[in-house]
Amino acid sequence: MPAYPGDQAAEITASLGALPSSTPVSEVARQLLDLFTGGSIEPGTRLPAERQLATTLGVGRSAVREALAALELLGIVDVRPGSGTYLRGTASELLPQTLRWGLLIGRRKTAELLELRSGLEIYVARLAAAGADETDLDLLGGRLAIMADSVADLPRFAEADRDFHNALAQAAGNAVLIDLLDVVRSLLQVYADRAVADEDKARTAIEEHDAILRAVAAGDADAAASAMAVHMATASVRLAAEDA
């Protein structure tokens, strides 16, 4: 894995400002996280030594050590005794992970997550209607066909449902939006997997997905957004019932 030579290590530390000596470990971790997710450091890079980071930040080595341990727990860095500390992924890979952990350790409110997911999904449908090509439409149609064939097999139905929404997000062509949706969906997945509890609800979901697909295929952004809004309204009611 690539390592930072002396001048590049100095470049990293130069990006960090000194912190007050009383700074809590969380603030040390925050400043390091800002640097690591800024996109200027390649994944696999060996980071400056604890002593160098501590000197630059103006804090004790123990604060840096604890901050790096917390970032390792979050999957941001890899601390290897006797070798050094390495950055694990690219900014695009790290940001969804840190957001997911932030939501998990905070006070999660299912109603707020549902509201956020609805807004994101509606926007995705609008973008997909403007940008979907034939390959995207074929993929969406295939996922919908699997849903229709799986009414009596609800686990398979739920998987096809997820695949449909993932394909729609890919058709939207916005990587940041995909990352945000991935985080929110993962936090709601425990409820989503149980939301379609019978064949009647599955058939309703199929009709709603079909309306979304037809609007996307027609390139009608307003209709796609409206169809998704209808689907999100009924889906959110089912998910909220699972959380009750």
Protein backbone atom coordinates (compact mmCIF):
# COMPACT_ATOMS: atom_id res chain seq x y z
CA MET A 1 0.00 0.00 0.00
CA PRO A 2 1.27 3.51 -0.72
CA ALA A 3 2.89 5.39 2.14
CA TYR A 4 3.32 9.09 2.54
CA PRO A 5 7.00 10.15 2.33
CA GLY A 6 8.19 12.94 4.56
CA ASP A 7 7.09 15.84 2.39
CA GLN A 8 3.62 14.38 1.89
CA ALA A 9 3.28 13.68 5.61
CA ALA A 10 4.11 17.33 6.16
CA GLU A 11 1.43 18.20 3.64
CA ILE A 12 -1.15 16.27 5.64
CA THR A 13 -0.16 17.79 8.95
CA ALA A 14 -0.11 21.25 7.38
CA SER A 15 -3.79 20.74 6.61
CA LEU A 16 -4.51 20.40 10.31
CA GLY A 17 -4.67 23.37 12.65
CA ALA A 18 -3.66 23.39 16.28
CA LEU A 19 -6.45 22.69 18.76
CA PRO A 20 -6.73 23.89 22.36
CA SER A 21 -4.99 21.56 24.80
CA SER A 22 -8.33 20.89 26.49
CA THR A 23 -9.92 19.73 23.23
CA PRO A 24 -11.96 16.53 23.73
CA VAL A 25 -11.16 13.42 21.76
CA SER A 26 -14.34 13.88 19.71
CA GLU A 27 -13.04 17.17 18.29
CA VAL A 28 -9.71 15.56 17.38
CA ALA A 29 -11.63 12.78 15.63
CA ARG A 30 -13.82 15.32 13.83
CA GLN A 31 -10.87 17.25 12.43
CA LEU A 32 -9.13 14.07 11.32
CA LEU A 33 -12.37 12.84 9.75
CA ASP A 34 -12.78 16.10 7.82
CA LEU A 35 -9.29 15.63 6.42
CA PHE A 36 -9.71 11.95 5.59
CA THR A 37 -13.03 12.42 3.77
CA GLY A 38 -11.92 15.52 1.88
CA GLY A 39 -10.77 13.48 -1.11
CA SER A 40 -7.12 14.64 -1.05
CA ILE A 41 -5.70 11.43 0.42
CA GLU A 42 -5.62 8.22 -1.58
CA PRO A 43 -7.04 5.03 -0.01
CA GLY A 44 -4.34 2.81 1.39
CA THR A 45 -2.15 5.77 2.30
CA ARG A 46 -0.10 5.45 5.48
CA LEU A 47 -0.89 8.46 7.64
CA PRO A 48 1.56 10.52 9.73
CA ALA A 49 2.62 8.99 13.03
CA GLU A 50 0.64 9.66 16.20
CA ARG A 51 3.43 11.85 17.58
CA GLN A 52 3.44 14.02 14.45
CA LEU A 53 -0.35 14.38 14.48
CA ALA A 54 -0.35 15.20 18.19
CA THR A 55 2.32 17.88 17.71
CA THR A 56 0.45 19.45 14.80
CA LEU A 57 -2.87 19.47 16.63
CA GLY A 58 -1.31 20.61 19.88
CA VAL A 59 -2.86 17.78 21.88
CA GLY A 60 -1.55 14.74 23.72
CA ARG A 61 -0.74 11.51 21.91
CA SER A 62 -3.41 9.74 23.95
CA ALA A 63 -6.09 12.00 22.44
CA VAL A 64 -4.86 11.20 18.93
CA ARG A 65 -4.65 7.49 19.76
CA GLU A 66 -8.24 7.45 21.08
CA ALA A 67 -9.50 9.44 18.09
CA LEU A 68 -7.85 7.03 15.65
CA ALA A 69 -9.28 4.08 17.57
CA ALA A 70 -12.76 5.59 17.19
CA LEU A 71 -12.20 6.16 13.47
CA GLU A 72 -11.03 2.57 13.12
CA LEU A 73 -14.26 1.39 14.72
CA LEU A 74 -16.17 3.43 12.14
CA GLY A 75 -14.21 1.78 9.35
CA ILE A 76 -12.39 4.98 8.35
CA VAL A 77 -8.81 3.93 9.13
CA ASP A 78 -6.92 0.71 9.69
CA VAL A 79 -4.50 0.80 12.65
CA ARG A 80 -1.74 -1.79 12.28
CA PRO A 81 0.53 -2.20 15.30
CA GLY A 82 4.16 -1.87 14.30
CA SER A 83 3.26 -0.61 10.82
CA GLY A 84 1.16 2.52 11.09
CA THR A 85 -2.32 3.86 10.40
CA TYR A 86 -3.80 3.62 6.91
CA LEU A 87 -6.78 5.25 5.24
CA ARG A 88 -9.26 2.56 4.21
CA GLY A 89 -11.36 3.99 1.39
CA THR A 90 -12.09 6.86 -0.94
CA ALA A 91 -14.16 9.85 0.13
CA SER A 92 -17.19 8.50 -1.77
CA GLU A 93 -16.90 5.22 0.17
CA LEU A 94 -16.25 6.80 3.56
CA LEU A 95 -18.96 9.46 3.59
CA PRO A 96 -21.94 7.07 3.44
CA GLN A 97 -20.33 4.96 6.16
CA THR A 98 -19.84 7.92 8.50
CA LEU A 99 -23.37 9.15 7.85
CA ARG A 100 -24.76 5.70 8.58
CA TRP A 101 -22.90 5.50 11.89
CA GLY A 102 -23.93 9.03 12.80
CA LEU A 103 -27.58 8.14 12.34
CA LEU A 104 -27.19 4.84 14.15
CA ILE A 105 -25.59 6.35 17.25
CA GLY A 106 -27.99 9.26 17.30
CA ARG A 107 -31.61 9.06 18.35
CA ARG A 108 -33.20 7.50 15.33
CA LYS A 109 -36.77 8.52 14.64
CA THR A 110 -38.42 6.23 12.13
CA ALA A 111 -40.99 8.85 11.12
CA GLU A 112 -38.23 11.30 10.19
CA LEU A 113 -36.33 8.64 8.25
CA LEU A 114 -39.49 7.77 6.33
CA GLU A 115 -40.05 11.43 5.54
CA LEU A 116 -36.47 11.76 4.30
CA ARG A 117 -36.67 8.60 2.24
CA SER A 118 -39.91 9.75 0.61
CA GLY A 119 -38.39 13.04 -0.45
CA LEU A 120 -35.29 11.38 -1.85
CA GLU A 121 -37.23 8.67 -3.70
CA ILE A 122 -39.54 11.24 -5.28
CA TYR A 123 -36.56 13.23 -6.49
CA VAL A 124 -34.93 10.05 -7.82
CA ALA A 125 -38.05 9.26 -9.84
CA ARG A 126 -38.00 12.75 -11.34
CA LEU A 127 -34.32 12.46 -12.32
CA ALA A 128 -34.79 8.94 -13.67
CA ALA A 129 -37.60 10.09 -15.94
CA ALA A 130 -35.24 12.66 -17.41
CA GLY A 131 -32.22 10.39 -17.77
CA ALA A 132 -33.21 6.72 -18.05
CA ASP A 133 -32.05 4.93 -21.20
CA GLU A 134 -33.22 1.65 -22.73
CA THR A 135 -30.87 -0.38 -20.56
CA ASP A 136 -32.29 1.24 -17.44
CA LEU A 137 -35.86 0.64 -18.58
CA ASP A 138 -35.14 -3.01 -19.38
CA LEU A 139 -33.63 -3.48 -15.92
CA LEU A 140 -36.59 -1.81 -14.21
CA GLY A 141 -39.03 -3.87 -16.24
CA GLY A 142 -37.20 -7.05 -15.31
CA ARG A 143 -37.35 -6.22 -11.62
CA LEU A 144 -41.05 -5.46 -11.88
CA ALA A 145 -41.64 -8.77 -13.65
CA ILE A 146 -39.92 -10.62 -10.80
CA MET A 147 -42.15 -8.80 -8.32
CA ALA A 148 -45.22 -9.88 -10.28
CA ASP A 149 -44.00 -13.49 -10.29
CA SER A 150 -43.25 -13.45 -6.56
CA VAL A 151 -46.57 -12.43 -5.04
CA ALA A 152 -46.72 -15.76 -3.21
CA ASP A 153 -43.02 -15.60 -2.25
CA LEU A 154 -42.75 -12.45 -0.15
CA PRO A 155 -38.99 -12.63 0.64
CA ARG A 156 -38.25 -12.85 -3.09
CA PHE A 157 -40.77 -10.07 -3.68
CA ALA A 158 -39.03 -7.82 -1.13
CA GLU A 159 -35.66 -8.42 -2.80
CA ALA A 160 -37.05 -7.55 -6.24
CA ASP A 161 -38.68 -4.45 -4.74
CA ARG A 162 -35.29 -3.30 -3.39
CA ASP A 163 -33.66 -4.04 -6.74
CA PHE A 164 -36.28 -1.94 -8.54
CA HIS A 165 -35.56 1.08 -6.35
CA ASN A 166 -31.81 0.56 -6.69
CA ALA A 167 -32.12 0.42 -10.47
CA LEU A 168 -34.21 3.58 -10.43
CA ALA A 169 -31.55 5.35 -8.38
CA GLN A 170 -28.86 4.24 -10.84
CA ALA A 171 -30.98 5.61 -13.69
CA ALA A 172 -31.14 8.95 -11.87
CA GLY A 173 -27.38 9.23 -12.31
CA ASN A 174 -26.59 11.11 -9.09
CA ALA A 175 -23.97 9.30 -7.00
CA VAL A 176 -24.47 11.44 -3.88
CA LEU A 177 -28.20 10.82 -3.96
CA ILE A 178 -27.57 7.08 -4.29
CA ASP A 179 -25.31 7.16 -1.24
CA LEU A 180 -27.88 9.03 0.86
CA LEU A 181 -30.65 6.65 -0.15
CA ASP A 182 -28.46 3.65 0.63
CA VAL A 183 -27.93 4.92 4.16
CA VAL A 184 -31.61 5.68 4.83
CA ARG A 185 -32.82 2.42 3.29
CA SER A 186 -30.36 0.37 5.33
CA LEU A 187 -31.63 1.96 8.54
CA LEU A 188 -35.22 1.19 7.57
CA GLN A 189 -34.54 -2.27 6.14
CA VAL A 190 -35.56 -4.17 9.25
CA TYR A 191 -39.07 -2.74 8.78
CA ALA A 192 -39.09 -2.76 4.98
CA ASP A 193 -38.48 -6.50 4.80
CA ARG A 194 -41.69 -7.07 6.75
CA ALA A 195 -43.79 -4.25 5.30
CA VAL A 196 -45.48 -6.26 2.53
CA ALA A 197 -47.14 -8.85 4.72
CA ASP A 198 -49.67 -10.39 2.32
CA GLU A 199 -50.48 -10.87 -1.35
CA ASP A 200 -53.00 -8.01 -1.50
CA LYS A 201 -50.36 -5.51 -0.33
CA ALA A 202 -47.91 -7.01 -2.80
CA ARG A 203 -50.35 -6.49 -5.68
CA THR A 204 -50.92 -2.89 -4.61
CA ALA A 205 -47.15 -2.34 -4.57
CA ILE A 206 -46.87 -3.83 -8.07
CA GLU A 207 -49.49 -1.42 -9.40
CA GLU A 208 -47.65 1.49 -7.82
CA HIS A 209 -44.29 0.41 -9.25
CA ASP A 210 -45.85 -0.10 -12.66
CA ALA A 211 -47.18 3.48 -12.61
CA ILE A 212 -43.68 4.73 -11.75
CA LEU A 213 -42.10 2.72 -14.55
CA ARG A 214 -44.63 3.88 -17.15
CA ALA A 215 -44.01 7.52 -16.22
CA VAL A 216 -40.23 7.06 -16.35
CA ALA A 217 -40.50 5.30 -19.73
CA ALA A 218 -42.58 8.20 -21.04
CA GLY A 219 -39.98 10.68 -19.83
CA ASP A 220 -42.64 12.47 -17.78
CA ALA A 221 -40.82 13.77 -14.70
CA ASP A 222 -43.93 15.22 -13.05
CA ALA A 223 -45.89 12.00 -13.49
CA ALA A 224 -42.97 9.93 -12.21
CA ALA A 225 -42.66 12.11 -9.12
CA SER A 226 -46.41 11.92 -8.50
CA ALA A 227 -46.46 8.13 -8.92
CA MET A 228 -43.57 7.78 -6.49
CA ALA A 229 -45.29 10.10 -4.02
CA VAL A 230 -48.34 7.82 -4.05
CA HIS A 231 -46.15 4.76 -3.54
CA MET A 232 -44.16 6.38 -0.74
CA ALA A 233 -47.36 7.38 1.05
CA THR A 234 -48.69 3.82 1.20
CA ALA A 235 -45.24 2.31 1.84
CA SER A 236 -44.58 4.75 4.69
CA VAL A 237 -47.88 3.83 6.34
CA ARG A 238 -46.89 0.15 6.21
CA LEU A 239 -43.39 0.81 7.54
CA ALA A 240 -44.66 3.04 10.33
CA ALA A 241 -47.10 0.31 11.34
CA GLU A 242 -44.17 -2.11 11.66
CA ASP A 243 -42.39 0.34 13.97
CA ALA A 244 -45.46 0.88 16.15
